[in-house]
Amino acid sequence: MSSLQLVEVGPRDGLQNESAVLDTAVKIELLDRIARAGATRIEAVSFAHPEYVPQMADAEAVMAGLVKQPGVSYIGLVMNERGYRRSLDTPLEEINFSVSATDGFNRANLSAGVEDTLGFIENVVADEARFTTATISVAWGCPFEGEVEPGRVVEIAARLTVAGIDELALADTIGVADPWAVRSMIAQVCAVIGDVPLRVHFHDTRSTGLANAFAAIESGIGVLDSSVGGLGGCPFAPNATGNIATNDLVYMVQRAGYETGFDLHQLNSITRWIGTELNIQPPSFVARAGGFPEVHTSL
């Protein structure tokens, strides 16, 4: 049986766009429940400026209070030098650097130009002992600059590869990609990154998230981001709704024979619980409908 690695991003990308700011203890419980449901990599916190992303203001406290589960790697999102310094005081196994494909989004999201952010990543990644990912956001389209030329994404990917990152990720931050564009971009980026693994991050803003995930898997990608319940979005991207739901992705790929390590029943239970904590109905279809229905025989 083939396997896929799903990186659970709900505790970071999921919570950062919700209006409710959860208590630190609830965030820790969410991380614990997700780990027990089968996650092996979890994006746990972000070191964004607390004024702009108050949902992530307690990143250090979350990591200090977390009892790590064996076999689980915890990831922190870093966007600048100040955030990087904050991350050094936490027991994270991985760092995910963020850079945008456009200056417009990079300035809105990171308060810096793309060149400045790339320079920062290049300056620190070579001496970083933790596993490093660099995510190129708005890789398929930008809310401020529109269409993104694939050549620009390829150029940034090549530069990050030379810098020495351990993994590259492509993010459809505003959910505008389609399966054909996904296949094309993956082929072009893979041609310049050599042996560096490629990971993908899709949003379901226009209901193409699972189709794009399918296209990525068919293109040979084995690492995909998803968010429990389909929570999330980017606070700096207008109308950017949630990530693809871990529940829905797990259902789809497990039906196709892929192993993910996740327990779907537990994911659905987590979705109901965190929805209550946030006072929302998470968008995951599988969380509402359940897995493949049991056969009932009438007497």
C-alpha atoms as a PDB file:
ATOM      1  CA  MET A   1       0.000   0.000   0.000  1.00  0.00           C
ATOM      2  CA  SER A   2       1.286   3.480  -0.876  1.00  0.00           C
ATOM      3  CA  SER A   3       1.487   6.133   1.797  1.00  0.00           C
ATOM      4  CA  LEU A   4       1.052   9.885   1.894  1.00  0.00           C
ATOM      5  CA  GLN A   5       2.307  12.276   4.555  1.00  0.00           C
ATOM      6  CA  LEU A   6      -0.266  14.854   5.592  1.00  0.00           C
ATOM      7  CA  VAL A   7       1.056  17.876   7.476  1.00  0.00           C
ATOM      8  CA  GLU A   8      -1.680  19.059   9.833  1.00  0.00           C
ATOM      9  CA  VAL A   9      -1.806  22.868   9.797  1.00  0.00           C
ATOM     10  CA  GLY A  10      -5.063  23.456  11.670  1.00  0.00           C
ATOM     11  CA  PRO A  11      -3.487  24.636  14.932  1.00  0.00           C
ATOM     12  CA  ARG A  12      -1.653  27.382  13.029  1.00  0.00           C
ATOM     13  CA  ASP A  13      -3.208  28.200   9.659  1.00  0.00           C
ATOM     14  CA  GLY A  14      -6.587  27.018  10.854  1.00  0.00           C
ATOM     15  CA  LEU A  15      -6.839  29.094  14.006  1.00  0.00           C
ATOM     16  CA  GLN A  16      -5.118  32.248  12.742  1.00  0.00           C
ATOM     17  CA  ASN A  17      -8.080  33.293  10.607  1.00  0.00           C
ATOM     18  CA  GLU A  18     -10.840  32.557  13.122  1.00  0.00           C
ATOM     19  CA  SER A  19     -12.345  35.493  15.005  1.00  0.00           C
ATOM     20  CA  ALA A  20     -12.187  33.671  18.338  1.00  0.00           C
ATOM     21  CA  VAL A  21      -8.892  33.693  20.226  1.00  0.00           C
ATOM     22  CA  LEU A  22      -8.634  30.400  22.055  1.00  0.00           C
ATOM     23  CA  ASP A  23      -7.048  29.943  25.456  1.00  0.00           C
ATOM     24  CA  THR A  24      -3.559  28.464  25.476  1.00  0.00           C
ATOM     25  CA  ALA A  25      -4.846  25.332  27.192  1.00  0.00           C
ATOM     26  CA  VAL A  26      -7.364  24.713  24.406  1.00  0.00           C
ATOM     27  CA  LYS A  27      -4.654  25.062  21.758  1.00  0.00           C
ATOM     28  CA  ILE A  28      -2.491  22.565  23.627  1.00  0.00           C
ATOM     29  CA  GLU A  29      -5.415  20.150  23.835  1.00  0.00           C
ATOM     30  CA  LEU A  30      -6.017  20.548  20.099  1.00  0.00           C
ATOM     31  CA  LEU A  31      -2.385  19.666  19.380  1.00  0.00           C
ATOM     32  CA  ASP A  32      -2.616  16.662  21.669  1.00  0.00           C
ATOM     33  CA  ARG A  33      -5.830  15.383  20.107  1.00  0.00           C
ATOM     34  CA  ILE A  34      -4.455  15.767  16.579  1.00  0.00           C
ATOM     35  CA  ALA A  35      -1.280  13.892  17.496  1.00  0.00           C
ATOM     36  CA  ARG A  36      -3.333  11.062  19.010  1.00  0.00           C
ATOM     37  CA  ALA A  37      -5.427  10.946  15.834  1.00  0.00           C
ATOM     38  CA  GLY A  38      -2.341   9.974  13.846  1.00  0.00           C
ATOM     39  CA  ALA A  39      -0.497  13.131  12.792  1.00  0.00           C
ATOM     40  CA  THR A  40       3.261  12.855  12.452  1.00  0.00           C
ATOM     41  CA  ARG A  41       3.928  16.485  11.491  1.00  0.00           C
ATOM     42  CA  ILE A  42       1.915  19.369  12.946  1.00  0.00           C
ATOM     43  CA  GLU A  43       2.301  23.068  12.242  1.00  0.00           C
ATOM     44  CA  ALA A  44       1.705  24.120  15.818  1.00  0.00           C
ATOM     45  CA  VAL A  45       2.420  27.841  16.101  1.00  0.00           C
ATOM     46  CA  SER A  46       3.306  31.002  14.230  1.00  0.00           C
ATOM     47  CA  PHE A  47       5.690  33.723  15.349  1.00  0.00           C
ATOM     48  CA  ALA A  48       3.707  36.487  13.688  1.00  0.00           C
ATOM     49  CA  HIS A  49       3.432  39.902  15.311  1.00  0.00           C
ATOM     50  CA  PRO A  50       0.825  39.597  18.094  1.00  0.00           C
ATOM     51  CA  GLU A  51      -0.790  42.884  17.052  1.00  0.00           C
ATOM     52  CA  TYR A  52      -1.556  41.584  13.564  1.00  0.00           C
ATOM     53  CA  VAL A  53      -2.282  37.930  14.380  1.00  0.00           C
ATOM     54  CA  PRO A  54      -3.498  37.853  17.998  1.00  0.00           C
ATOM     55  CA  GLN A  55      -4.615  34.240  17.600  1.00  0.00           C
ATOM     56  CA  MET A  56      -0.937  33.238  17.582  1.00  0.00           C
ATOM     57  CA  ALA A  57       0.340  35.605  20.290  1.00  0.00           C
ATOM     58  CA  ASP A  58       0.996  32.813  22.818  1.00  0.00           C
ATOM     59  CA  ALA A  59       3.254  30.668  20.630  1.00  0.00           C
ATOM     60  CA  GLU A  60       5.959  30.328  23.282  1.00  0.00           C
ATOM     61  CA  ALA A  61       3.428  29.446  25.978  1.00  0.00           C
ATOM     62  CA  VAL A  62       1.819  26.808  23.774  1.00  0.00           C
ATOM     63  CA  MET A  63       5.120  25.086  23.127  1.00  0.00           C
ATOM     64  CA  ALA A  64       6.193  25.376  26.771  1.00  0.00           C
ATOM     65  CA  GLY A  65       2.989  23.720  27.972  1.00  0.00           C
ATOM     66  CA  LEU A  66       2.783  21.020  25.322  1.00  0.00           C
ATOM     67  CA  VAL A  67       3.619  17.444  26.258  1.00  0.00           C
ATOM     68  CA  LYS A  68       4.999  16.162  22.984  1.00  0.00           C
ATOM     69  CA  GLN A  69       3.771  12.881  21.606  1.00  0.00           C
ATOM     70  CA  PRO A  70       6.437  10.365  20.476  1.00  0.00           C
ATOM     71  CA  GLY A  71       7.021  10.294  16.748  1.00  0.00           C
ATOM     72  CA  VAL A  72       5.448  13.705  16.137  1.00  0.00           C
ATOM     73  CA  SER A  73       7.424  16.616  14.679  1.00  0.00           C
ATOM     74  CA  TYR A  74       6.168  20.084  15.639  1.00  0.00           C
ATOM     75  CA  ILE A  75       6.562  23.011  13.232  1.00  0.00           C
ATOM     76  CA  GLY A  76       6.661  26.767  13.759  1.00  0.00           C
ATOM     77  CA  LEU A  77       6.027  29.364  11.048  1.00  0.00           C
ATOM     78  CA  VAL A  78       8.695  32.067  10.833  1.00  0.00           C
ATOM     79  CA  MET A  79       8.385  35.181   8.688  1.00  0.00           C
ATOM     80  CA  ASN A  80      11.185  37.515   9.780  1.00  0.00           C
ATOM     81  CA  GLU A  81      14.249  37.915  11.972  1.00  0.00           C
ATOM     82  CA  ARG A  82      12.284  38.784  15.088  1.00  0.00           C
ATOM     83  CA  GLY A  83      10.052  35.744  14.709  1.00  0.00           C
ATOM     84  CA  TYR A  84      13.079  33.573  14.059  1.00  0.00           C
ATOM     85  CA  ARG A  85      14.705  34.708  17.291  1.00  0.00           C
ATOM     86  CA  ARG A  86      11.507  33.888  19.173  1.00  0.00           C
ATOM     87  CA  SER A  87      11.502  30.396  17.692  1.00  0.00           C
ATOM     88  CA  LEU A  88      14.961  29.689  19.089  1.00  0.00           C
ATOM     89  CA  ASP A  89      13.532  29.619  22.607  1.00  0.00           C
ATOM     90  CA  THR A  90      11.040  26.870  21.828  1.00  0.00           C
ATOM     91  CA  PRO A  91      11.445  23.075  21.476  1.00  0.00           C
ATOM     92  CA  LEU A  92      10.261  22.928  17.864  1.00  0.00           C
ATOM     93  CA  GLU A  93      11.654  20.254  15.560  1.00  0.00           C
ATOM     94  CA  GLU A  94      10.964  22.182  12.353  1.00  0.00           C
ATOM     95  CA  ILE A  95      10.858  25.732  11.042  1.00  0.00           C
ATOM     96  CA  ASN A  96       8.706  26.797   8.100  1.00  0.00           C
ATOM     97  CA  PHE A  97       9.910  30.012   6.469  1.00  0.00           C
ATOM     98  CA  SER A  98       7.396  31.989   4.417  1.00  0.00           C
ATOM     99  CA  VAL A  99       8.033  34.054   1.306  1.00  0.00           C
ATOM    100  CA  SER A 100       5.542  35.231  -1.299  1.00  0.00           C
ATOM    101  CA  ALA A 101       5.687  34.967  -5.059  1.00  0.00           C
ATOM    102  CA  THR A 102       4.783  38.670  -5.319  1.00  0.00           C
ATOM    103  CA  ASP A 103       5.965  41.846  -3.630  1.00  0.00           C
ATOM    104  CA  GLY A 104       2.381  42.973  -3.098  1.00  0.00           C
ATOM    105  CA  PHE A 105       1.458  39.999  -0.965  1.00  0.00           C
ATOM    106  CA  ASN A 106       4.846  39.826   0.736  1.00  0.00           C
ATOM    107  CA  ARG A 107       4.472  43.425   1.918  1.00  0.00           C
ATOM    108  CA  ALA A 108       0.905  42.811   3.126  1.00  0.00           C
ATOM    109  CA  ASN A 109       1.812  39.567   4.872  1.00  0.00           C
ATOM    110  CA  LEU A 110       5.415  40.121   5.977  1.00  0.00           C
ATOM    111  CA  SER A 111       5.899  43.914   5.787  1.00  0.00           C
ATOM    112  CA  ALA A 112       8.910  43.432   3.508  1.00  0.00           C
ATOM    113  CA  GLY A 113       9.761  42.962  -0.139  1.00  0.00           C
ATOM    114  CA  VAL A 114      10.401  39.515  -1.578  1.00  0.00           C
ATOM    115  CA  GLU A 115      14.105  40.264  -1.958  1.00  0.00           C
ATOM    116  CA  ASP A 116      14.399  41.231   1.710  1.00  0.00           C
ATOM    117  CA  THR A 117      12.654  38.042   2.839  1.00  0.00           C
ATOM    118  CA  LEU A 118      14.773  35.836   0.596  1.00  0.00           C
ATOM    119  CA  GLY A 119      17.900  37.506   1.952  1.00  0.00           C
ATOM    120  CA  PHE A 120      16.763  36.817   5.522  1.00  0.00           C
ATOM    121  CA  ILE A 121      16.125  33.144   4.758  1.00  0.00           C
ATOM    122  CA  GLU A 122      19.481  32.790   3.022  1.00  0.00           C
ATOM    123  CA  ASN A 123      21.252  34.340   6.020  1.00  0.00           C
ATOM    124  CA  VAL A 124      19.846  31.947   8.612  1.00  0.00           C
ATOM    125  CA  VAL A 125      19.004  28.666   6.919  1.00  0.00           C
ATOM    126  CA  ALA A 126      22.560  27.446   6.426  1.00  0.00           C
ATOM    127  CA  ASP A 127      23.230  27.477  10.187  1.00  0.00           C
ATOM    128  CA  GLU A 128      19.825  26.123  11.208  1.00  0.00           C
ATOM    129  CA  ALA A 129      20.056  22.664  12.764  1.00  0.00           C
ATOM    130  CA  ARG A 130      16.308  22.072  12.705  1.00  0.00           C
ATOM    131  CA  PHE A 131      14.505  20.743   9.637  1.00  0.00           C
ATOM    132  CA  THR A 132      13.642  23.692   7.395  1.00  0.00           C
ATOM    133  CA  THR A 133      10.832  24.236   4.938  1.00  0.00           C
ATOM    134  CA  ALA A 134      10.334  27.313   2.790  1.00  0.00           C
ATOM    135  CA  THR A 135       6.783  27.958   1.611  1.00  0.00           C
ATOM    136  CA  ILE A 136       6.163  30.110  -1.448  1.00  0.00           C
ATOM    137  CA  SER A 137       2.745  31.654  -0.870  1.00  0.00           C
ATOM    138  CA  VAL A 138       0.331  32.901  -3.574  1.00  0.00           C
ATOM    139  CA  ALA A 139       2.149  30.620  -6.005  1.00  0.00           C
ATOM    140  CA  TRP A 140      -0.862  30.383  -8.317  1.00  0.00           C
ATOM    141  CA  GLY A 141      -2.362  33.839  -7.882  1.00  0.00           C
ATOM    142  CA  CYS A 142      -2.165  36.995  -5.774  1.00  0.00           C
ATOM    143  CA  PRO A 143      -5.038  39.190  -4.488  1.00  0.00           C
ATOM    144  CA  PHE A 144      -2.956  42.317  -5.110  1.00  0.00           C
ATOM    145  CA  GLU A 145      -1.110  41.511  -8.340  1.00  0.00           C
ATOM    146  CA  GLY A 146      -3.355  38.956 -10.022  1.00  0.00           C
ATOM    147  CA  GLU A 147      -1.895  36.150 -12.110  1.00  0.00           C
ATOM    148  CA  VAL A 148       1.541  34.921 -11.052  1.00  0.00           C
ATOM    149  CA  GLU A 149       3.994  33.938 -13.753  1.00  0.00           C
ATOM    150  CA  PRO A 150       5.210  30.375 -13.134  1.00  0.00           C
ATOM    151  CA  GLY A 151       8.719  31.525 -14.028  1.00  0.00           C
ATOM    152  CA  ARG A 152       8.748  33.779 -10.976  1.00  0.00           C
ATOM    153  CA  VAL A 153       7.858  30.856  -8.705  1.00  0.00           C
ATOM    154  CA  VAL A 154      10.517  28.714 -10.379  1.00  0.00           C
ATOM    155  CA  GLU A 155      13.103  31.463  -9.846  1.00  0.00           C
ATOM    156  CA  ILE A 156      12.318  31.726  -6.130  1.00  0.00           C
ATOM    157  CA  ALA A 157      12.268  27.929  -5.753  1.00  0.00           C
ATOM    158  CA  ALA A 158      15.708  27.635  -7.335  1.00  0.00           C
ATOM    159  CA  ARG A 159      17.113  30.299  -5.061  1.00  0.00           C
ATOM    160  CA  LEU A 160      15.703  28.661  -1.927  1.00  0.00           C
ATOM    161  CA  THR A 161      17.167  25.344  -3.024  1.00  0.00           C
ATOM    162  CA  VAL A 162      20.615  26.887  -3.371  1.00  0.00           C
ATOM    163  CA  ALA A 163      20.170  28.421   0.113  1.00  0.00           C
ATOM    164  CA  GLY A 164      19.947  24.902   1.544  1.00  0.00           C
ATOM    165  CA  ILE A 165      16.352  24.362   2.628  1.00  0.00           C
ATOM    166  CA  ASP A 166      15.341  20.786   3.432  1.00  0.00           C
ATOM    167  CA  GLU A 167      11.887  21.012   1.849  1.00  0.00           C
ATOM    168  CA  LEU A 168      10.021  23.377  -0.475  1.00  0.00           C
ATOM    169  CA  ALA A 169       6.272  24.033  -0.307  1.00  0.00           C
ATOM    170  CA  LEU A 170       3.972  25.701  -2.834  1.00  0.00           C
ATOM    171  CA  ALA A 171       0.868  27.388  -1.418  1.00  0.00           C
ATOM    172  CA  ASP A 172      -2.338  28.329  -3.199  1.00  0.00           C
ATOM    173  CA  THR A 173      -3.042  30.916  -0.514  1.00  0.00           C
ATOM    174  CA  ILE A 174      -6.199  32.378  -2.056  1.00  0.00           C
ATOM    175  CA  GLY A 175      -7.545  29.191  -3.609  1.00  0.00           C
ATOM    176  CA  VAL A 176      -7.373  30.085  -7.300  1.00  0.00           C
ATOM    177  CA  ALA A 177      -5.447  27.103  -8.694  1.00  0.00           C
ATOM    178  CA  ASP A 178      -6.915  24.411 -10.916  1.00  0.00           C
ATOM    179  CA  PRO A 179      -5.638  20.847 -11.434  1.00  0.00           C
ATOM    180  CA  TRP A 180      -4.037  21.625 -14.787  1.00  0.00           C
ATOM    181  CA  ALA A 181      -2.158  24.631 -13.392  1.00  0.00           C
ATOM    182  CA  VAL A 182      -1.088  22.514 -10.432  1.00  0.00           C
ATOM    183  CA  ARG A 183       0.391  19.822 -12.675  1.00  0.00           C
ATOM    184  CA  SER A 184       2.188  22.413 -14.779  1.00  0.00           C
ATOM    185  CA  MET A 185       3.665  24.286 -11.814  1.00  0.00           C
ATOM    186  CA  ILE A 186       4.831  21.119 -10.103  1.00  0.00           C
ATOM    187  CA  ALA A 187       6.612  19.939 -13.243  1.00  0.00           C
ATOM    188  CA  GLN A 188       8.369  23.270 -13.700  1.00  0.00           C
ATOM    189  CA  VAL A 189       9.445  23.581 -10.065  1.00  0.00           C
ATOM    190  CA  CYS A 190      10.612  19.965  -9.792  1.00  0.00           C
ATOM    191  CA  ALA A 191      12.889  20.578 -12.763  1.00  0.00           C
ATOM    192  CA  VAL A 192      14.989  23.048 -10.738  1.00  0.00           C
ATOM    193  CA  ILE A 193      14.934  21.774  -7.135  1.00  0.00           C
ATOM    194  CA  GLY A 194      16.672  18.442  -7.640  1.00  0.00           C
ATOM    195  CA  ASP A 195      16.299  16.104  -4.676  1.00  0.00           C
ATOM    196  CA  VAL A 196      14.634  18.653  -2.400  1.00  0.00           C
ATOM    197  CA  PRO A 197      11.169  17.271  -1.506  1.00  0.00           C
ATOM    198  CA  LEU A 198       8.175  19.273  -2.701  1.00  0.00           C
ATOM    199  CA  ARG A 199       5.093  19.798  -0.514  1.00  0.00           C
ATOM    200  CA  VAL A 200       1.801  21.467  -1.463  1.00  0.00           C
ATOM    201  CA  HIS A 201      -0.683  23.615   0.454  1.00  0.00           C
ATOM    202  CA  PHE A 202      -4.145  24.165  -1.028  1.00  0.00           C
ATOM    203  CA  HIS A 203      -7.113  26.279   0.019  1.00  0.00           C
ATOM    204  CA  ASP A 204     -10.662  25.359  -0.906  1.00  0.00           C
ATOM    205  CA  THR A 205     -11.887  28.911  -1.501  1.00  0.00           C
ATOM    206  CA  ARG A 206     -13.379  28.023  -4.892  1.00  0.00           C
ATOM    207  CA  SER A 207     -14.064  24.344  -4.192  1.00  0.00           C
ATOM    208  CA  THR A 208     -11.036  23.114  -6.157  1.00  0.00           C
ATOM    209  CA  GLY A 209      -8.872  22.110  -3.193  1.00  0.00           C
ATOM    210  CA  LEU A 210      -9.385  18.343  -3.318  1.00  0.00           C
ATOM    211  CA  ALA A 211      -9.145  18.298  -7.113  1.00  0.00           C
ATOM    212  CA  ASN A 212      -5.833  20.128  -6.830  1.00  0.00           C
ATOM    213  CA  ALA A 213      -4.652  17.674  -4.168  1.00  0.00           C
ATOM    214  CA  PHE A 214      -5.535  14.807  -6.522  1.00  0.00           C
ATOM    215  CA  ALA A 215      -3.573  16.461  -9.345  1.00  0.00           C
ATOM    216  CA  ALA A 216      -0.577  16.907  -7.050  1.00  0.00           C
ATOM    217  CA  ILE A 217      -0.638  13.274  -5.924  1.00  0.00           C
ATOM    218  CA  GLU A 218      -0.930  12.122  -9.531  1.00  0.00           C
ATOM    219  CA  SER A 219       2.116  14.321 -10.257  1.00  0.00           C
ATOM    220  CA  GLY A 220       4.147  12.414  -7.691  1.00  0.00           C
ATOM    221  CA  ILE A 221       3.774  14.660  -4.626  1.00  0.00           C
ATOM    222  CA  GLY A 222       3.745  12.706  -1.368  1.00  0.00           C
ATOM    223  CA  VAL A 223       3.466  15.509   1.215  1.00  0.00           C
ATOM    224  CA  LEU A 224       0.335  17.656   1.488  1.00  0.00           C
ATOM    225  CA  ASP A 225      -0.905  20.210   4.010  1.00  0.00           C
ATOM    226  CA  SER A 226      -4.432  20.044   5.364  1.00  0.00           C
ATOM    227  CA  SER A 227      -6.410  21.437   8.275  1.00  0.00           C
ATOM    228  CA  VAL A 228      -8.699  19.529  10.612  1.00  0.00           C
ATOM    229  CA  GLY A 229     -12.290  20.393   9.800  1.00  0.00           C
ATOM    230  CA  GLY A 230     -11.170  22.672   6.971  1.00  0.00           C
ATOM    231  CA  LEU A 231     -10.441  25.516   9.369  1.00  0.00           C
ATOM    232  CA  GLY A 232      -8.474  28.561   8.401  1.00  0.00           C
ATOM    233  CA  GLY A 233      -7.376  30.981   5.782  1.00  0.00           C
ATOM    234  CA  CYS A 234      -4.943  33.855   5.585  1.00  0.00           C
ATOM    235  CA  PRO A 235      -5.837  37.070   7.450  1.00  0.00           C
ATOM    236  CA  PHE A 236      -3.900  39.086   4.856  1.00  0.00           C
ATOM    237  CA  ALA A 237      -5.667  37.589   1.824  1.00  0.00           C
ATOM    238  CA  PRO A 238      -9.157  39.003   1.206  1.00  0.00           C
ATOM    239  CA  ASN A 239     -11.871  36.309   1.162  1.00  0.00           C
ATOM    240  CA  ALA A 240      -9.362  33.464   1.564  1.00  0.00           C
ATOM    241  CA  THR A 241     -11.364  30.728   3.234  1.00  0.00           C
ATOM    242  CA  GLY A 242     -10.149  27.518   4.756  1.00  0.00           C
ATOM    243  CA  ASN A 243      -7.575  24.960   3.854  1.00  0.00           C
ATOM    244  CA  ILE A 244      -8.635  21.607   2.472  1.00  0.00           C
ATOM    245  CA  ALA A 245     -10.050  19.582   5.344  1.00  0.00           C
ATOM    246  CA  THR A 246      -7.854  16.814   6.703  1.00  0.00           C
ATOM    247  CA  ASN A 247     -11.010  14.752   7.169  1.00  0.00           C
ATOM    248  CA  ASP A 248     -12.017  15.071   3.507  1.00  0.00           C
ATOM    249  CA  LEU A 249      -8.510  14.461   2.192  1.00  0.00           C
ATOM    250  CA  VAL A 250      -8.024  11.414   4.424  1.00  0.00           C
ATOM    251  CA  TYR A 251     -11.335   9.953   3.272  1.00  0.00           C
ATOM    252  CA  MET A 252     -10.501  10.473  -0.396  1.00  0.00           C
ATOM    253  CA  VAL A 253      -6.996   9.026  -0.351  1.00  0.00           C
ATOM    254  CA  GLN A 254      -7.757   6.156   1.997  1.00  0.00           C
ATOM    255  CA  ARG A 255     -10.592   5.075  -0.301  1.00  0.00           C
ATOM    256  CA  ALA A 256      -7.969   5.011  -3.064  1.00  0.00           C
ATOM    257  CA  GLY A 257      -5.730   2.737  -1.001  1.00  0.00           C
ATOM    258  CA  TYR A 258      -3.260   5.260   0.406  1.00  0.00           C
ATOM    259  CA  GLU A 259      -2.142   5.014   4.016  1.00  0.00           C
ATOM    260  CA  THR A 260      -2.027   8.271   6.007  1.00  0.00           C
ATOM    261  CA  GLY A 261      -1.853   7.070   9.622  1.00  0.00           C
ATOM    262  CA  PHE A 262      -4.904   9.179  10.541  1.00  0.00           C
ATOM    263  CA  ASP A 263      -7.987   7.839  12.271  1.00  0.00           C
ATOM    264  CA  LEU A 264     -10.979   9.383  10.490  1.00  0.00           C
ATOM    265  CA  HIS A 265     -13.369   8.879  13.392  1.00  0.00           C
ATOM    266  CA  GLN A 266     -11.019  10.771  15.697  1.00  0.00           C
ATOM    267  CA  LEU A 267     -10.640  13.578  13.158  1.00  0.00           C
ATOM    268  CA  ASN A 268     -14.405  13.962  12.976  1.00  0.00           C
ATOM    269  CA  SER A 269     -14.641  14.019  16.759  1.00  0.00           C
ATOM    270  CA  ILE A 270     -11.934  16.705  16.945  1.00  0.00           C
ATOM    271  CA  THR A 271     -13.779  18.752  14.335  1.00  0.00           C
ATOM    272  CA  ARG A 272     -17.006  18.733  16.339  1.00  0.00           C
ATOM    273  CA  TRP A 273     -15.145  19.663  19.514  1.00  0.00           C
ATOM    274  CA  ILE A 274     -13.075  22.508  18.052  1.00  0.00           C
ATOM    275  CA  GLY A 275     -16.134  23.814  16.227  1.00  0.00           C
ATOM    276  CA  THR A 276     -17.850  24.151  19.595  1.00  0.00           C
ATOM    277  CA  GLU A 277     -14.807  25.912  21.064  1.00  0.00           C
ATOM    278  CA  LEU A 278     -14.784  28.371  18.131  1.00  0.00           C
ATOM    279  CA  ASN A 279     -18.587  28.616  17.964  1.00  0.00           C
ATOM    280  CA  ILE A 280     -18.584  27.749  14.257  1.00  0.00           C
ATOM    281  CA  GLN A 281     -19.563  24.903  11.947  1.00  0.00           C
ATOM    282  CA  PRO A 282     -16.297  23.746  10.339  1.00  0.00           C
ATOM    283  CA  PRO A 283     -16.723  23.267   6.587  1.00  0.00           C
ATOM    284  CA  SER A 284     -15.510  19.659   6.307  1.00  0.00           C
ATOM    285  CA  PHE A 285     -18.075  17.551   4.440  1.00  0.00           C
ATOM    286  CA  VAL A 286     -16.804  14.268   5.865  1.00  0.00           C
ATOM    287  CA  ALA A 287     -16.994  15.592   9.417  1.00  0.00           C
ATOM    288  CA  ARG A 288     -20.719  16.110   8.837  1.00  0.00           C
ATOM    289  CA  ALA A 289     -21.521  13.065   6.705  1.00  0.00           C
ATOM    290  CA  GLY A 290     -19.118  10.584   8.290  1.00  0.00           C
ATOM    291  CA  GLY A 291     -16.997   8.028   6.512  1.00  0.00           C
ATOM    292  CA  PHE A 292     -18.229   5.344   4.142  1.00  0.00           C
ATOM    293  CA  PRO A 293     -21.710   4.409   5.382  1.00  0.00           C
ATOM    294  CA  GLU A 294     -22.308   1.133   7.132  1.00  0.00           C
ATOM    295  CA  VAL A 295     -24.589  -1.315   5.398  1.00  0.00           C
ATOM    296  CA  HIS A 296     -27.893  -1.731   7.226  1.00  0.00           C
ATOM    297  CA  THR A 297     -30.036  -4.772   6.564  1.00  0.00           C
ATOM    298  CA  SER A 298     -33.726  -4.721   7.287  1.00  0.00           C
ATOM    299  CA  LEU A 299     -35.371  -7.609   9.053  1.00  0.00           C
END
